[in-house]
């Protein structure tokens, strides 16, 4: 499992990171979750299993489920009124399965993220390391990707995603499990 390069909120997923992009907000509620140190301000931020119909991300229906989930989050002081800022870190491996064939890939998406969420529904992610990103509309083709490196993800209120940065690598999960 990849360890976080930034052990504090300064990095930048999740997150969960989240299974970024399968929805526009981090997923919640699936055991097992990380154990946070009491009094540290870090709380478990588990990811829930998810399903995406054929054509929405891949040409076939896809199921995702965490098989390792030690993600924790910490609320930080807001940078402005109407904005919440949350840091995410921890090991996360999502098993992504082609529901038609049973082919699967275990995606290590143990990135670190600093996420600003706006009242409009927009989000801005600063990320170091891999996260899982589902794209319907954006500067990447429709699909499901492990995005890795040092980069940002700008999510509009309508869900359009723009991935940018000096060091970005993408790996198509749809192609891996086709």
Protein backbone atom coordinates (compact mmCIF):
# COMPACT_ATOMS: atom_id res chain seq x y z
CA UNK A 1 0.00 0.00 0.00
CA UNK A 2 1.27 3.45 -0.82
CA UNK A 3 1.86 5.62 2.24
CA UNK A 4 0.85 9.27 2.28
CA UNK A 5 3.59 11.67 1.32
CA UNK A 6 1.95 14.39 3.37
CA UNK A 7 0.94 13.30 6.82
CA UNK A 8 -0.97 16.52 7.48
CA UNK A 9 -3.69 18.60 5.95
CA UNK A 10 -1.24 20.42 3.76
CA UNK A 11 -1.30 18.07 0.84
CA UNK A 12 -4.18 18.05 -1.03
CA UNK A 13 -9.21 13.16 -2.07
CA UNK A 14 -9.96 11.64 -1.23
CA UNK A 15 -9.96 11.27 -0.42
CA UNK A 16 -11.93 9.10 -0.53
CA UNK A 17 -10.78 10.07 -1.62
CA UNK A 18 -13.07 9.33 -2.25
CA UNK A 19 -14.26 8.02 -5.13
CA UNK A 20 -14.19 11.33 -6.63
CA UNK A 21 -16.53 11.84 -9.42
CA UNK A 22 -18.79 8.95 -9.02
CA UNK A 23 -20.70 11.58 -7.16
CA UNK A 24 -19.61 15.15 -6.55
CA UNK A 25 -19.22 14.64 -2.83
CA UNK A 26 -17.18 12.17 -0.83
CA UNK A 27 -18.96 8.88 -0.19
CA UNK A 28 -19.74 7.82 3.35
CA UNK A 29 -20.50 4.86 5.54
CA UNK A 30 -18.81 1.58 4.75
CA UNK A 31 -16.83 -0.46 7.25
CA UNK A 32 -14.06 -0.98 7.96
CA UNK A 33 -12.86 2.55 8.55
CA UNK A 34 -9.63 3.93 9.83
CA UNK A 35 -9.09 4.41 13.49
CA UNK A 36 -8.21 8.02 14.22
CA UNK A 37 -6.13 9.01 17.22
CA UNK A 38 -8.38 10.39 19.97
CA UNK A 39 -8.08 14.16 20.21
CA UNK A 40 -6.19 14.45 16.91
CA UNK A 41 -9.09 16.04 15.04
CA UNK A 42 -8.95 13.26 12.42
CA UNK A 43 -12.15 11.26 12.02
CA UNK A 44 -12.85 8.10 9.98
CA UNK A 45 -14.20 8.95 6.49
CA UNK A 46 -15.27 5.59 5.08
CA UNK A 47 -16.30 5.07 1.46
CA UNK A 48 -19.52 3.29 0.54
CA UNK A 49 -19.84 0.71 -2.26
CA UNK A 50 -21.26 2.19 -5.48
CA UNK A 51 -22.69 1.23 -8.85
CA UNK A 52 -22.59 3.11 -12.14
CA UNK A 53 -24.86 2.12 -15.05
CA UNK A 54 -23.53 1.23 -18.51
CA UNK A 55 -22.64 4.29 -20.57
CA UNK A 56 -22.33 6.70 -17.65
CA UNK A 57 -18.57 6.14 -17.17
CA UNK A 58 -17.67 2.88 -18.95
CA UNK A 59 -19.53 1.14 -21.80
CA UNK A 60 -20.61 -1.51 -19.26
CA UNK A 61 -22.06 -1.31 -15.74
CA UNK A 62 -19.45 -0.96 -12.99
CA UNK A 63 -19.41 -1.76 -9.27
CA UNK A 64 -16.89 -0.30 -6.83
CA UNK A 65 -16.24 -1.43 -3.30
CA UNK A 66 -13.52 -0.54 -0.81
CA UNK A 67 -11.37 -3.54 0.17
CA UNK A 68 -8.97 -1.42 2.25
CA UNK A 69 -10.36 1.77 3.78
CA UNK A 70 -8.28 3.64 6.32
CA UNK A 71 -9.21 7.15 5.16
CA UNK A 72 -9.58 9.86 7.78
CA UNK A 73 -10.69 13.46 7.41
CA UNK A 74 -10.24 16.65 9.35
CA UNK A 75 -12.24 19.85 9.10
CA UNK A 76 -10.04 22.94 8.77
CA UNK A 77 -10.82 26.63 9.22
CA UNK A 78 -12.85 27.86 6.25
CA UNK A 79 -10.92 30.06 3.78
CA UNK A 80 -14.03 32.22 3.18
CA UNK A 81 -17.66 32.44 4.14
CA UNK A 82 -19.76 29.75 2.46
CA UNK A 83 -16.76 27.44 1.96
CA UNK A 84 -15.89 24.34 3.97
CA UNK A 85 -12.34 22.97 3.87
CA UNK A 86 -11.60 19.33 4.64
CA UNK A 87 -8.34 17.38 4.52
CA UNK A 88 -8.32 13.65 3.68
CA UNK A 89 -5.54 11.07 4.02
CA UNK A 90 -5.13 7.32 4.44
CA UNK A 91 -4.92 4.06 2.58
CA UNK A 92 -7.79 3.28 0.21
CA UNK A 93 -8.05 0.41 -2.27
CA UNK A 94 -11.23 0.17 -4.34
CA UNK A 95 -12.11 -3.04 -6.21
CA UNK A 96 -13.72 -1.91 -9.46
CA UNK A 97 -15.69 -4.67 -11.21
CA UNK A 98 -17.19 -4.95 -14.70
CA UNK A 99 -20.67 -6.19 -13.78
CA UNK A 100 -21.12 -7.93 -17.16
CA UNK A 101 -17.95 -10.04 -17.14
CA UNK A 102 -16.79 -10.07 -13.51
CA UNK A 103 -13.37 -8.69 -14.52
CA UNK A 104 -12.02 -6.47 -11.76
CA UNK A 105 -9.12 -4.22 -10.84
CA UNK A 106 -7.97 -3.26 -7.36
CA UNK A 107 -7.20 0.46 -7.59
CA UNK A 108 -4.85 1.84 -4.92
CA UNK A 109 -6.22 5.36 -4.54
CA UNK A 110 -4.42 6.32 -1.34
CA UNK A 111 -3.93 9.96 -2.24
CA UNK A 112 -4.03 12.95 0.08
CA UNK A 113 -6.47 15.77 -0.65
CA UNK A 114 -7.45 19.20 0.57
CA UNK A 115 -11.04 19.86 -0.55
CA UNK A 116 -12.87 23.17 -0.60
CA UNK A 117 -16.64 22.74 -0.96
CA UNK A 118 -18.72 25.76 -1.95
CA UNK A 119 -22.37 26.51 -1.20
CA UNK A 120 -23.03 26.40 -4.98
CA UNK A 121 -22.10 22.70 -5.05
CA UNK A 122 -18.71 23.39 -6.68
CA UNK A 123 -15.57 21.79 -5.24
CA UNK A 124 -11.86 22.47 -5.63
CA UNK A 125 -9.42 19.66 -4.80
CA UNK A 126 -5.65 19.96 -4.26
CA UNK A 127 -4.29 16.42 -4.55
CA UNK A 128 -1.02 14.57 -4.10
CA UNK A 129 -1.11 10.90 -5.09
CA UNK A 130 -3.75 8.72 -6.65
CA UNK A 131 -7.52 9.21 -6.44
CA UNK A 132 -10.36 7.58 -8.36
CA UNK A 133 -12.12 10.03 -10.66
CA UNK A 134 -15.32 9.37 -12.58
CA UNK A 135 -15.74 11.75 -15.51
CA UNK A 136 -18.98 12.44 -17.33
CA UNK A 137 -17.99 15.87 -18.65
CA UNK A 138 -14.63 17.57 -18.33
CA UNK A 139 -11.17 17.82 -19.80
CA UNK A 140 -10.74 14.02 -19.65
CA UNK A 141 -12.88 11.77 -21.83
CA UNK A 142 -15.92 10.14 -20.24
CA UNK A 143 -14.58 7.32 -18.11
CA UNK A 144 -13.27 6.11 -14.79
CA UNK A 145 -9.64 6.91 -13.99
CA UNK A 146 -6.96 6.60 -11.37
CA UNK A 147 -5.41 10.05 -11.53
CA UNK A 148 -1.98 10.30 -9.90
CA UNK A 149 0.67 12.95 -9.32
CA UNK A 150 0.41 16.50 -7.96
CA UNK A 151 -2.62 18.27 -9.39
CA UNK A 152 -5.95 20.00 -8.84
CA UNK A 153 -9.47 18.96 -9.69
CA UNK A 154 -12.04 21.69 -10.23
CA UNK A 155 -15.63 20.43 -10.10
CA UNK A 156 -18.33 22.81 -11.31
CA UNK A 157 -21.78 22.91 -9.68
CA UNK A 158 -23.03 20.80 -12.62
CA UNK A 159 -20.32 18.15 -12.10
CA UNK A 160 -17.94 19.07 -14.94
CA UNK A 161 -14.40 18.11 -13.86
CA UNK A 162 -11.17 19.81 -14.88
CA UNK A 163 -7.95 18.04 -13.88
CA UNK A 164 -4.79 20.19 -14.10
CA UNK A 165 -1.27 20.30 -12.77
CA UNK A 166 2.42 20.00 -13.46
CA UNK A 167 2.54 16.25 -12.82
CA UNK A 168 -0.60 14.31 -13.77
CA UNK A 169 -0.87 10.68 -14.87
CA UNK A 170 -4.12 8.93 -15.75
CA UNK A 171 -4.92 5.23 -15.91
CA UNK A 172 -8.24 4.19 -17.50
CA UNK A 173 -10.00 1.67 -15.28
CA UNK A 174 -12.63 1.09 -17.98
CA UNK A 175 -9.85 -0.16 -20.31
CA UNK A 176 -8.38 -2.37 -17.56
CA UNK A 177 -11.65 -4.24 -16.93
CA UNK A 178 -13.17 -4.20 -20.43
